[in-house]
Amino acid sequence: MKCLRCGTCCIFFDISTLNKKANEPCTFLDIPTGKCKSYEARPEVCRDFKTDEICYLISSLTLENKLFILSKVYK
């Protein structure tokens, strides 16, 4: 599945290799657009992240609602 580039995973997940805590935006994330500022040169941990069906199912929601749903799914 192809990344939707919505930025939700860049906030929700803990990314220890980037010293990023869960529910905090990644330093590479452009908050207003939800896009990675360095998508083409993003870190390997981000390149290796696999989009799943949940991304597609919640794609029409607001960022706030996406984060809420993920918090329920990934307890």
N, C-alpha and C. Protein backbone atom coordinates (compact mmCIF):
# COMPACT_ATOMS: atom_id res chain seq x y z
N MET A 1 0.83 -1.18 0.00
CA MET A 1 0.00 0.00 0.00
C MET A 1 0.88 1.25 0.00
N LYS A 2 0.42 2.24 -0.66
CA LYS A 2 1.18 3.47 -0.79
C LYS A 2 0.85 4.44 0.35
N CYS A 3 1.87 5.10 0.86
CA CYS A 3 1.71 6.10 1.91
C CYS A 3 0.82 7.24 1.41
N LEU A 4 -0.14 7.66 2.23
CA LEU A 4 -1.03 8.75 1.87
C LEU A 4 -0.45 10.12 2.21
N ARG A 5 0.70 10.13 2.86
CA ARG A 5 1.41 11.36 3.24
C ARG A 5 0.52 12.32 4.03
N CYS A 6 -0.18 11.77 5.01
CA CYS A 6 -1.08 12.60 5.82
C CYS A 6 -0.41 13.10 7.10
N GLY A 7 0.70 12.48 7.50
CA GLY A 7 1.43 12.92 8.68
C GLY A 7 0.97 12.30 9.99
N THR A 8 -0.08 11.51 9.95
CA THR A 8 -0.62 10.94 11.19
C THR A 8 0.41 10.06 11.90
N CYS A 9 1.06 9.19 11.17
CA CYS A 9 2.05 8.31 11.81
C CYS A 9 3.25 9.11 12.33
N CYS A 10 3.49 10.27 11.73
CA CYS A 10 4.60 11.13 12.14
C CYS A 10 4.32 11.83 13.48
N ILE A 11 3.10 11.73 13.93
CA ILE A 11 2.73 12.26 15.24
C ILE A 11 2.47 11.11 16.21
N PHE A 12 1.66 10.14 15.78
CA PHE A 12 1.16 9.13 16.70
C PHE A 12 2.22 8.19 17.25
N PHE A 13 3.07 7.64 16.40
CA PHE A 13 3.98 6.58 16.82
C PHE A 13 5.26 7.09 17.46
N ASP A 14 5.78 6.28 18.37
CA ASP A 14 7.09 6.50 18.97
C ASP A 14 8.13 6.09 17.94
N ILE A 15 9.10 6.94 17.67
CA ILE A 15 10.17 6.60 16.72
C ILE A 15 11.49 6.81 17.46
N SER A 16 11.90 5.77 18.15
CA SER A 16 13.06 5.89 19.05
C SER A 16 14.34 6.27 18.32
N THR A 17 14.52 5.82 17.09
CA THR A 17 15.75 6.17 16.36
C THR A 17 15.84 7.66 16.05
N LEU A 18 14.69 8.35 16.12
CA LEU A 18 14.67 9.81 15.89
C LEU A 18 14.46 10.57 17.20
N ASN A 19 14.48 9.82 18.32
CA ASN A 19 14.20 10.42 19.63
C ASN A 19 12.84 11.12 19.64
N LYS A 20 11.87 10.54 18.94
CA LYS A 20 10.53 11.11 18.86
C LYS A 20 9.59 10.30 19.73
N LYS A 21 8.94 10.97 20.66
CA LYS A 21 7.99 10.30 21.54
C LYS A 21 6.62 10.20 20.87
N ALA A 22 5.85 9.23 21.30
CA ALA A 22 4.49 9.07 20.79
C ALA A 22 3.67 10.32 21.06
N ASN A 23 2.80 10.64 20.13
CA ASN A 23 1.89 11.80 20.21
C ASN A 23 2.59 13.15 20.22
N GLU A 24 3.81 13.18 19.71
CA GLU A 24 4.54 14.42 19.49
C GLU A 24 4.93 14.47 18.02
N PRO A 25 4.78 15.61 17.38
CA PRO A 25 5.13 15.68 15.95
C PRO A 25 6.63 15.47 15.72
N CYS A 26 6.94 14.77 14.67
CA CYS A 26 8.33 14.60 14.24
C CYS A 26 8.86 15.97 13.83
N THR A 27 10.15 16.19 14.03
CA THR A 27 10.75 17.48 13.66
C THR A 27 10.72 17.72 12.16
N PHE A 28 10.58 16.64 11.37
CA PHE A 28 10.52 16.77 9.92
C PHE A 28 9.12 17.08 9.41
N LEU A 29 8.12 17.01 10.29
CA LEU A 29 6.73 17.18 9.87
C LEU A 29 6.36 18.65 9.75
N ASP A 30 5.81 19.01 8.60
CA ASP A 30 5.26 20.35 8.40
C ASP A 30 3.81 20.29 8.88
N ILE A 31 3.56 20.78 10.07
CA ILE A 31 2.25 20.64 10.72
C ILE A 31 1.10 21.17 9.85
N PRO A 32 1.19 22.38 9.28
CA PRO A 32 0.04 22.89 8.51
C PRO A 32 -0.37 22.00 7.34
N THR A 33 0.59 21.38 6.67
CA THR A 33 0.26 20.56 5.50
C THR A 33 0.15 19.08 5.84
N GLY A 34 0.73 18.66 6.96
CA GLY A 34 0.76 17.24 7.31
C GLY A 34 1.76 16.45 6.50
N LYS A 35 2.65 17.15 5.82
CA LYS A 35 3.63 16.51 4.95
C LYS A 35 5.02 16.53 5.58
N CYS A 36 5.83 15.56 5.21
CA CYS A 36 7.22 15.50 5.66
C CYS A 36 8.02 16.54 4.88
N LYS A 37 8.80 17.33 5.60
CA LYS A 37 9.62 18.36 4.95
C LYS A 37 10.79 17.75 4.18
N SER A 38 11.11 16.51 4.49
CA SER A 38 12.22 15.86 3.79
C SER A 38 11.79 14.48 3.28
N TYR A 39 10.60 14.39 2.69
CA TYR A 39 10.05 13.10 2.29
C TYR A 39 11.00 12.32 1.38
N GLU A 40 11.55 12.96 0.41
CA GLU A 40 12.44 12.26 -0.53
C GLU A 40 13.73 11.80 0.15
N ALA A 41 14.15 12.47 1.21
CA ALA A 41 15.38 12.10 1.92
C ALA A 41 15.07 11.69 3.36
N ARG A 42 13.85 11.20 3.61
CA ARG A 42 13.44 10.86 4.96
C ARG A 42 14.28 9.71 5.51
N PRO A 43 14.36 9.61 6.84
CA PRO A 43 15.17 8.57 7.47
C PRO A 43 14.70 7.16 7.09
N GLU A 44 15.60 6.21 7.19
CA GLU A 44 15.30 4.83 6.81
C GLU A 44 14.13 4.26 7.61
N VAL A 45 14.05 4.59 8.89
CA VAL A 45 12.96 4.07 9.71
C VAL A 45 11.60 4.51 9.14
N CYS A 46 11.55 5.68 8.58
CA CYS A 46 10.31 6.17 7.97
C CYS A 46 10.06 5.50 6.62
N ARG A 47 11.12 5.30 5.87
CA ARG A 47 10.99 4.63 4.57
C ARG A 47 10.51 3.19 4.75
N ASP A 48 10.92 2.56 5.84
CA ASP A 48 10.57 1.16 6.08
C ASP A 48 9.17 0.98 6.68
N PHE A 49 8.56 2.07 7.14
CA PHE A 49 7.23 1.98 7.75
C PHE A 49 6.22 1.55 6.69
N LYS A 50 5.39 0.58 7.03
CA LYS A 50 4.41 0.06 6.09
C LYS A 50 3.02 0.60 6.38
N THR A 51 2.44 1.24 5.41
CA THR A 51 1.06 1.71 5.50
C THR A 51 0.16 0.48 5.56
N ASP A 52 -0.92 0.58 6.33
CA ASP A 52 -1.85 -0.54 6.38
C ASP A 52 -3.28 -0.08 6.07
N GLU A 53 -4.21 -1.01 6.16
CA GLU A 53 -5.61 -0.73 5.81
C GLU A 53 -6.21 0.39 6.66
N ILE A 54 -5.78 0.49 7.89
CA ILE A 54 -6.33 1.52 8.78
C ILE A 54 -6.10 2.91 8.20
N CYS A 55 -4.95 3.13 7.61
CA CYS A 55 -4.66 4.43 6.99
C CYS A 55 -5.73 4.80 5.96
N TYR A 56 -6.11 3.83 5.16
CA TYR A 56 -7.13 4.07 4.13
C TYR A 56 -8.51 4.24 4.73
N LEU A 57 -8.82 3.46 5.76
CA LEU A 57 -10.14 3.54 6.38
C LEU A 57 -10.39 4.87 7.07
N ILE A 58 -9.34 5.48 7.60
CA ILE A 58 -9.51 6.75 8.33
C ILE A 58 -9.07 7.96 7.51
N SER A 59 -8.75 7.77 6.26
CA SER A 59 -8.16 8.83 5.45
C SER A 59 -9.03 10.08 5.31
N SER A 60 -10.34 9.95 5.41
CA SER A 60 -11.21 11.12 5.23
C SER A 60 -11.43 11.90 6.53
N LEU A 61 -10.90 11.41 7.64
CA LEU A 61 -11.09 12.08 8.93
C LEU A 61 -10.12 13.23 9.12
N THR A 62 -10.41 14.08 10.08
CA THR A 62 -9.47 15.14 10.46
C THR A 62 -8.28 14.49 11.17
N LEU A 63 -7.18 15.22 11.24
CA LEU A 63 -6.00 14.70 11.91
C LEU A 63 -6.33 14.34 13.36
N GLU A 64 -7.07 15.20 14.03
CA GLU A 64 -7.45 14.94 15.43
C GLU A 64 -8.22 13.63 15.56
N ASN A 65 -9.15 13.39 14.66
CA ASN A 65 -9.92 12.15 14.71
C ASN A 65 -9.09 10.94 14.32
N LYS A 66 -8.16 11.11 13.40
CA LYS A 66 -7.26 10.01 13.04
C LYS A 66 -6.45 9.58 14.25
N LEU A 67 -5.91 10.56 14.97
CA LEU A 67 -5.11 10.26 16.16
C LEU A 67 -5.95 9.58 17.23
N PHE A 68 -7.20 10.01 17.37
CA PHE A 68 -8.10 9.39 18.34
C PHE A 68 -8.35 7.93 17.97
N ILE A 69 -8.66 7.66 16.72
CA ILE A 69 -8.92 6.29 16.27
C ILE A 69 -7.68 5.41 16.48
N LEU A 70 -6.52 5.91 16.12
CA LEU A 70 -5.29 5.13 16.31
C LEU A 70 -5.04 4.84 17.78
N SER A 71 -5.39 5.78 18.65
CA SER A 71 -5.20 5.54 20.08
C SER A 71 -6.08 4.41 20.58
N LYS A 72 -7.21 4.20 19.94
CA LYS A 72 -8.11 3.10 20.31
C LYS A 72 -7.65 1.78 19.68
N VAL A 73 -7.17 1.85 18.46
CA VAL A 73 -6.74 0.63 17.76
C VAL A 73 -5.43 0.08 18.33
N TYR A 74 -4.48 0.97 18.61
CA TYR A 74 -3.15 0.55 19.07
C TYR A 74 -2.96 0.81 20.56
N LYS A 75 -3.87 0.27 21.37
CA LYS A 75 -3.77 0.44 22.83
C LYS A 75 -2.57 -0.29 23.37
